């Protein structure tokens, strides 16, 4: 009888666990709260810090158990982090991947557990989104960000034609991580827009600074020593590198008293991201302009669509975090494929110069 009673107790306990888990993810440790994991390629860059901070805020507001992992820019580490979380019972993920290709293996593993993932900043592959209808892209088209940067440069030289004789832009270009989708597409958009505006582009010097201000500062010191009077603009692919270049120019006395052209530097320096530090530099007449990559908008869209899936409220075509689901393919992957366009949330870039509303309100 004692054995029979023990078996009944065990069966009752197991049935209660199964019942509690029905319709909602069962959290590690027995909690019935929804769990979401945030996998970040790193949190060294200001954009990525702002992104992760907003996800933490949104999760706290909704009472979500959030697990945050920093891969320190190592793809193997990020893959291991995912596998560990899956084994712990996590099914729902917001991901800034180390590399695009990682999305293929990650989504296959998540799909096998019946989960969902939303990607930002670095694009997932088209194939990875086709794994299932609960895989999403919530980010900004990088070509457009580069084109806005090019447009601001063209506006500057249109207003100051003597600074670009013959409509020749002599550029120092500070790239992010080589091969990164943002690096490739921002450069393409930048050059394309300048050419559309009637400018020819000569790249006086170009190299990667890997998104890092200190590396950009070192590169700029070297370039100023070699090409001091041979360039008329500096374009950096994020604000951190742009501010590193600004400090180099100040240290090397490439400054002037007249700021009527919008900068006290001898040539304009532009970035992308519109971080708080960048706006502050613009207010000091140092950084000339930037382009808003909306960390708050991207993170809100990615978190909200995954929360919808996790809570059972997601329906195809739902807006997420205030951003509508895309309906028309664009030229940039993965949002160039009609089969998965509804799984894409395209948060717009916004050009930020001193005439912009964003600058005036920040």
Protein backbone atom coordinates (compact mmCIF):
# COMPACT_ATOMS: atom_id res chain seq x y z
CA UNK A 1 0.00 0.00 0.00
CA UNK A 2 2.82 2.37 0.81
CA UNK A 3 4.30 1.84 -2.66
CA UNK A 4 0.93 2.47 -4.33
CA UNK A 5 0.42 5.65 -2.30
CA UNK A 6 3.88 6.89 -3.25
CA UNK A 7 3.21 6.25 -6.95
CA UNK A 8 -0.06 8.20 -6.73
CA UNK A 9 1.69 11.16 -5.10
CA UNK A 10 4.34 11.22 -7.86
CA UNK A 11 1.71 11.01 -10.61
CA UNK A 12 -0.29 13.84 -9.06
CA UNK A 13 2.83 16.00 -8.83
CA UNK A 14 3.74 15.35 -12.46
CA UNK A 15 0.23 16.11 -13.68
CA UNK A 16 0.20 19.43 -11.83
CA UNK A 17 3.48 20.45 -13.49
CA UNK A 18 2.17 19.56 -16.95
CA UNK A 19 -1.04 21.50 -16.27
CA UNK A 20 0.85 24.55 -15.00
CA UNK A 21 3.01 24.59 -18.12
CA UNK A 22 0.10 24.50 -20.56
CA UNK A 23 -0.33 27.59 -22.76
CA UNK A 24 2.72 29.40 -21.37
CA UNK A 25 6.45 28.82 -21.15
CA UNK A 26 7.44 27.13 -17.90
CA UNK A 27 10.24 29.20 -16.41
CA UNK A 28 13.39 27.71 -14.91
CA UNK A 29 12.96 27.00 -11.25
CA UNK A 30 9.21 26.34 -11.62
CA UNK A 31 8.04 29.95 -12.13
CA UNK A 32 5.13 30.45 -14.51
CA UNK A 33 6.37 33.92 -15.55
CA UNK A 34 7.32 34.34 -19.19
CA UNK A 35 11.07 34.16 -19.77
CA UNK A 36 12.90 36.05 -22.50
CA UNK A 37 16.64 35.96 -23.10
CA UNK A 38 18.61 38.86 -24.60
CA UNK A 39 21.74 37.74 -26.47
CA UNK A 40 24.07 40.67 -27.22
CA UNK A 41 27.14 40.47 -29.44
CA UNK A 42 28.73 42.96 -27.04
CA UNK A 43 27.76 45.92 -24.90
CA UNK A 44 30.86 48.03 -25.47
CA UNK A 45 29.29 50.37 -28.05
CA UNK A 46 26.91 53.09 -26.90
CA UNK A 47 24.17 51.99 -29.33
CA UNK A 48 24.26 48.45 -27.93
CA UNK A 49 24.25 49.72 -24.33
CA UNK A 50 21.19 51.83 -25.09
CA UNK A 51 19.53 48.85 -26.80
CA UNK A 52 20.09 46.47 -23.88
CA UNK A 53 19.09 49.09 -21.31
CA UNK A 54 15.75 49.59 -23.06
CA UNK A 55 15.06 45.84 -23.22
CA UNK A 56 15.74 45.63 -19.47
CA UNK A 57 13.32 48.51 -18.90
CA UNK A 58 10.57 46.97 -21.04
CA UNK A 59 10.98 43.57 -19.40
CA UNK A 60 10.72 45.10 -15.92
CA UNK A 61 7.55 46.95 -16.91
CA UNK A 62 5.88 43.72 -18.05
CA UNK A 63 7.16 41.54 -15.22
CA UNK A 64 9.25 39.39 -17.56
CA UNK A 65 12.09 37.20 -16.33
CA UNK A 66 14.92 38.53 -18.51
CA UNK A 67 18.28 36.79 -18.91
CA UNK A 68 20.97 38.99 -20.52
CA UNK A 69 24.09 37.49 -22.09
CA UNK A 70 27.09 39.37 -23.52
CA UNK A 71 29.11 37.35 -26.07
CA UNK A 72 32.03 39.82 -26.08
CA UNK A 73 31.97 39.71 -29.90
CA UNK A 74 32.72 35.97 -30.01
CA UNK A 75 30.38 33.91 -32.20
CA UNK A 76 31.28 30.60 -30.55
CA UNK A 77 30.51 32.06 -27.14
CA UNK A 78 27.14 33.31 -28.33
CA UNK A 79 26.24 29.90 -29.78
CA UNK A 80 27.14 28.26 -26.46
CA UNK A 81 25.07 30.81 -24.57
CA UNK A 82 22.06 29.98 -26.72
CA UNK A 83 22.47 26.23 -26.26
CA UNK A 84 22.77 26.64 -22.49
CA UNK A 85 19.64 28.78 -22.32
CA UNK A 86 17.67 26.34 -24.46
CA UNK A 87 18.69 23.53 -22.13
CA UNK A 88 17.50 25.65 -19.21
CA UNK A 89 14.05 25.96 -20.79
CA UNK A 90 14.27 29.34 -22.54
CA UNK A 91 12.36 29.53 -25.83
CA UNK A 92 12.02 33.23 -26.59
CA UNK A 93 14.97 35.39 -27.65
CA UNK A 94 15.93 38.92 -28.64
CA UNK A 95 19.27 38.68 -30.42
CA UNK A 96 21.97 41.04 -31.66
CA UNK A 97 24.12 38.37 -33.31
CA UNK A 98 27.89 38.43 -33.62
CA UNK A 99 27.66 37.57 -37.33
CA UNK A 100 24.82 37.18 -39.82
CA UNK A 101 25.56 33.52 -40.53
CA UNK A 102 25.02 32.58 -36.89
CA UNK A 103 21.28 33.12 -37.33
CA UNK A 104 21.00 29.90 -39.39
CA UNK A 105 22.13 27.56 -36.63
CA UNK A 106 20.50 29.59 -33.89
CA UNK A 107 17.06 29.62 -35.51
CA UNK A 108 17.22 25.91 -36.30
CA UNK A 109 17.88 25.19 -32.62
CA UNK A 110 15.18 27.60 -31.43
CA UNK A 111 12.65 26.22 -33.92
CA UNK A 112 13.31 22.69 -32.64
CA UNK A 113 12.11 23.86 -29.20
CA UNK A 114 9.05 25.64 -30.62
CA UNK A 115 10.48 29.06 -29.81
CA UNK A 116 10.87 32.48 -31.39
CA UNK A 117 13.59 35.06 -31.99
CA UNK A 118 13.87 38.67 -33.15
CA UNK A 119 17.13 40.06 -34.54
CA UNK A 120 18.43 43.62 -34.61
CA UNK A 121 21.52 45.55 -35.73
CA UNK A 122 23.12 42.66 -37.63
CA UNK A 123 20.80 41.08 -40.16
CA UNK A 124 19.76 37.45 -39.97
CA UNK A 125 19.85 35.52 -43.23
CA UNK A 126 16.72 35.21 -45.36
CA UNK A 127 16.93 31.43 -44.96
CA UNK A 128 16.96 31.71 -41.17
CA UNK A 129 13.72 33.72 -41.18
CA UNK A 130 12.12 31.14 -43.43
CA UNK A 131 12.61 28.52 -40.72
CA UNK A 132 9.29 29.64 -39.22
CA UNK A 133 6.80 32.48 -38.89
CA UNK A 134 7.97 33.34 -35.37
CA UNK A 135 11.40 34.60 -36.47
CA UNK A 136 11.76 38.34 -37.02
CA UNK A 137 14.03 41.18 -38.08
CA UNK A 138 13.61 44.47 -36.19
CA UNK A 139 16.24 46.89 -37.40
CA UNK A 140 17.02 49.75 -39.78
CA UNK A 141 18.05 49.54 -43.46
CA UNK A 142 21.78 50.31 -43.37
CA UNK A 143 21.98 51.59 -46.96
CA UNK A 144 19.47 54.29 -46.04
CA UNK A 145 21.56 55.34 -43.03
CA UNK A 146 24.60 55.78 -45.27
CA UNK A 147 22.52 57.67 -47.85
CA UNK A 148 21.32 60.12 -45.19
CA UNK A 149 24.93 60.72 -44.17
CA UNK A 150 25.79 61.38 -47.81
CA UNK A 151 22.85 63.75 -48.13
CA UNK A 152 24.02 65.83 -45.17
CA UNK A 153 27.51 66.05 -46.67
CA UNK A 154 26.06 67.14 -50.02
CA UNK A 155 23.94 69.79 -48.27
CA UNK A 156 27.07 71.07 -46.50
CA UNK A 157 29.02 71.47 -49.72
CA UNK A 158 26.02 72.92 -51.55
CA UNK A 159 25.98 75.63 -48.88
CA UNK A 160 29.79 75.98 -48.88
CA UNK A 161 30.83 75.33 -52.51
CA UNK A 162 34.30 76.81 -52.04
CA UNK A 163 35.10 73.94 -49.70
CA UNK A 164 34.58 71.38 -52.50
CA UNK A 165 35.93 72.94 -55.72
CA UNK A 166 34.62 71.19 -58.80
CA UNK A 167 32.15 69.31 -56.57
CA UNK A 168 34.91 66.91 -55.53
CA UNK A 169 34.50 65.32 -52.11
CA UNK A 170 37.90 64.35 -50.73
CA UNK A 171 36.96 61.99 -47.96
CA UNK A 172 38.52 60.22 -45.05
CA UNK A 173 36.29 57.21 -44.41
CA UNK A 174 36.40 55.44 -41.05
CA UNK A 175 34.76 52.04 -41.39
CA UNK A 176 33.27 49.79 -38.77
CA UNK A 177 34.17 46.11 -38.63
CA UNK A 178 35.00 45.06 -42.19
CA UNK A 179 32.36 42.83 -43.73
CA UNK A 180 29.77 43.77 -41.10
CA UNK A 181 26.48 44.42 -42.96
CA UNK A 182 26.35 47.97 -41.58
CA UNK A 183 29.89 48.66 -42.78
CA UNK A 184 29.18 47.42 -46.30
CA UNK A 185 25.76 49.01 -46.76
CA UNK A 186 26.47 52.34 -45.06
CA UNK A 187 29.47 52.89 -47.31
CA UNK A 188 27.43 51.98 -50.40
CA UNK A 189 24.60 54.33 -49.43
CA UNK A 190 27.02 57.17 -48.64
CA UNK A 191 28.82 57.03 -51.98
CA UNK A 192 25.62 56.45 -53.95
CA UNK A 193 23.88 59.51 -52.50
CA UNK A 194 26.84 61.82 -53.08
CA UNK A 195 27.07 60.69 -56.68
CA UNK A 196 23.33 61.20 -57.14
CA UNK A 197 23.80 64.75 -55.87
CA UNK A 198 26.43 65.42 -58.53
CA UNK A 199 29.58 64.99 -56.46
CA UNK A 200 32.59 62.88 -57.35
CA UNK A 201 34.16 61.08 -54.41
CA UNK A 202 37.88 60.63 -53.85
CA UNK A 203 38.71 58.55 -50.78
CA UNK A 204 41.96 60.02 -49.50
CA UNK A 205 42.30 57.46 -46.71
CA UNK A 206 40.14 54.58 -45.49
CA UNK A 207 40.45 51.88 -42.85
CA UNK A 208 38.50 50.11 -40.16
CA UNK A 209 38.46 51.31 -36.57
CA UNK A 210 36.16 48.44 -35.53
CA UNK A 211 33.51 50.82 -34.14
CA UNK A 212 36.01 51.95 -31.44
CA UNK A 213 36.75 55.62 -30.58
CA UNK A 214 40.36 54.97 -29.52
CA UNK A 215 41.17 53.14 -32.76
CA UNK A 216 39.60 55.96 -34.79
CA UNK A 217 41.65 58.51 -32.86
CA UNK A 218 44.88 56.63 -33.61
CA UNK A 219 44.01 56.25 -37.31
CA UNK A 220 43.12 59.92 -37.57
CA UNK A 221 46.38 61.03 -35.95
CA UNK A 222 48.27 59.08 -38.60
CA UNK A 223 46.15 60.39 -41.47
CA UNK A 224 46.49 64.00 -40.35
CA UNK A 225 50.27 63.56 -40.31
CA UNK A 226 50.17 62.25 -43.91
CA UNK A 227 47.23 64.08 -45.50
CA UNK A 228 46.59 67.17 -43.38
CA UNK A 229 45.49 69.51 -46.19
CA UNK A 230 44.25 66.90 -48.65
CA UNK A 231 40.75 66.07 -47.35
CA UNK A 232 37.58 68.12 -46.92
CA UNK A 233 35.31 65.77 -44.93
CA UNK A 234 35.53 62.89 -42.47
CA UNK A 235 32.74 60.27 -42.52
CA UNK A 236 32.67 57.71 -39.73
CA UNK A 237 30.26 54.80 -39.65
CA UNK A 238 29.28 55.32 -36.02
CA UNK A 239 29.39 58.18 -33.53
CA UNK A 240 32.06 56.61 -31.34
CA UNK A 241 34.57 56.59 -34.19
CA UNK A 242 33.45 60.06 -35.29
CA UNK A 243 34.12 61.43 -31.81
CA UNK A 244 37.53 59.75 -31.80
CA UNK A 245 38.29 61.60 -35.04
CA UNK A 246 37.00 64.87 -33.58
CA UNK A 247 39.36 64.60 -30.63
CA UNK A 248 42.26 63.87 -32.96
CA UNK A 249 41.52 66.96 -35.02
CA UNK A 250 41.32 69.11 -31.91
CA UNK A 251 44.58 67.65 -30.58
CA UNK A 252 46.24 68.34 -33.94
CA UNK A 253 44.97 71.93 -33.99
CA UNK A 254 42.64 71.44 -36.95
CA UNK A 255 40.29 74.06 -35.53
CA UNK A 256 39.14 77.53 -36.51
CA UNK A 257 37.43 80.51 -34.87
CA UNK A 258 34.67 80.86 -37.46
CA UNK A 259 31.80 78.43 -36.82
CA UNK A 260 29.37 79.89 -39.35
CA UNK A 261 29.49 76.62 -41.33
CA UNK A 262 28.36 74.68 -38.23
CA UNK A 263 31.69 73.43 -36.93
CA UNK A 264 34.84 74.78 -35.33
CA UNK A 265 36.85 72.05 -37.01
CA UNK A 266 38.55 72.85 -40.30
CA UNK A 267 36.55 70.11 -42.05
CA UNK A 268 33.20 68.61 -41.03
CA UNK A 269 33.10 65.24 -39.26
CA UNK A 270 29.96 63.10 -39.41
CA UNK A 271 28.85 59.98 -37.56
CA UNK A 272 25.87 57.65 -37.33
CA UNK A 273 23.75 56.72 -34.27
CA UNK A 274 22.84 60.10 -32.68
CA UNK A 275 24.09 59.09 -29.24
CA UNK A 276 23.90 61.55 -26.36
CA UNK A 277 27.64 62.18 -26.60
CA UNK A 278 27.30 62.95 -30.32
CA UNK A 279 24.53 65.49 -29.74
CA UNK A 280 26.59 67.11 -26.99
CA UNK A 281 29.55 67.38 -29.38
CA UNK A 282 27.31 69.00 -32.00
CA UNK A 283 26.21 71.57 -29.42
CA UNK A 284 29.90 72.43 -28.91
CA UNK A 285 30.25 72.93 -32.70
CA UNK A 286 32.61 69.95 -32.95
CA UNK A 287 30.83 66.99 -34.58
CA UNK A 288 29.00 68.44 -37.57
CA UNK A 289 26.10 65.99 -37.88
CA UNK A 290 24.94 62.43 -37.36
CA UNK A 291 22.15 60.03 -38.32
CA UNK A 292 19.81 58.56 -35.74
CA UNK A 293 19.89 54.78 -35.56
CA UNK A 294 17.04 54.33 -33.14
CA UNK A 295 18.20 51.93 -30.42
CA UNK A 296 14.97 52.53 -28.51
CA UNK A 297 12.79 51.89 -31.55
CA UNK A 298 14.67 48.76 -32.63
CA UNK A 299 14.76 47.23 -29.15
CA UNK A 300 11.09 48.06 -28.55
CA UNK A 301 10.03 46.36 -31.79
CA UNK A 302 12.18 43.27 -31.17
CA UNK A 303 11.10 42.88 -27.55
CA UNK A 304 7.41 43.50 -28.22
CA UNK A 305 7.04 41.02 -31.07
CA UNK A 306 8.72 38.31 -28.97
CA UNK A 307 6.58 39.19 -25.97
CA UNK A 308 3.51 38.86 -28.19
CA UNK A 309 4.57 35.37 -29.28
CA UNK A 310 5.45 34.33 -25.72
CA UNK A 311 2.12 35.58 -24.35
CA UNK A 312 0.05 34.12 -27.20
CA UNK A 313 -1.16 37.46 -28.58
CA UNK A 314 0.91 37.61 -31.76
CA UNK A 315 -0.93 37.65 -35.09
CA UNK A 316 0.77 38.05 -38.47
CA UNK A 317 0.88 41.72 -39.40
CA UNK A 318 0.73 43.00 -35.82
CA UNK A 319 2.73 46.19 -35.19
CA UNK A 320 5.50 45.80 -32.61
CA UNK A 321 6.77 48.50 -30.29
CA UNK A 322 5.08 51.15 -32.42
CA UNK A 323 6.65 49.94 -35.67
CA UNK A 324 4.38 48.41 -38.32
CA UNK A 325 5.21 45.12 -39.97
CA UNK A 326 6.72 45.76 -43.39
CA UNK A 327 4.57 45.06 -46.44
CA UNK A 328 6.82 45.95 -49.39
CA UNK A 329 10.27 44.42 -50.00
CA UNK A 330 13.28 46.74 -50.12
CA UNK A 331 16.67 46.25 -51.78
CA UNK A 332 18.50 45.20 -48.61
CA UNK A 333 18.44 41.69 -47.15
CA UNK A 334 16.61 40.16 -45.40
CA UNK A 335 13.75 42.55 -46.14
CA UNK A 336 14.23 42.01 -49.88
CA UNK A 337 12.31 38.71 -49.91
CA UNK A 338 8.53 38.91 -50.29
CA UNK A 339 8.08 35.55 -48.55
CA UNK A 340 9.25 36.93 -45.18
CA UNK A 341 8.62 40.67 -45.53
CA UNK A 342 5.82 40.54 -42.97
CA UNK A 343 8.33 39.27 -40.41
CA UNK A 344 10.42 42.44 -40.82
CA UNK A 345 10.01 45.60 -38.73
CA UNK A 346 11.94 48.42 -40.38
CA UNK A 347 12.72 51.19 -37.92
CA UNK A 348 13.62 54.32 -39.91
CA UNK A 349 16.93 56.14 -39.74
CA UNK A 350 16.61 59.92 -39.23
CA UNK A 351 19.18 62.50 -40.42
CA UNK A 352 20.29 64.73 -37.55
CA UNK A 353 21.78 68.13 -38.25
CA UNK A 354 21.25 71.36 -36.33
CA UNK A 355 18.05 72.11 -38.22
CA UNK A 356 16.47 68.77 -37.33
CA UNK A 357 13.74 68.34 -34.73
CA UNK A 358 15.72 65.56 -33.05
CA UNK A 359 18.69 67.86 -32.43
CA UNK A 360 16.47 70.65 -31.12
CA UNK A 361 14.74 68.39 -28.60
CA UNK A 362 17.81 66.55 -27.26
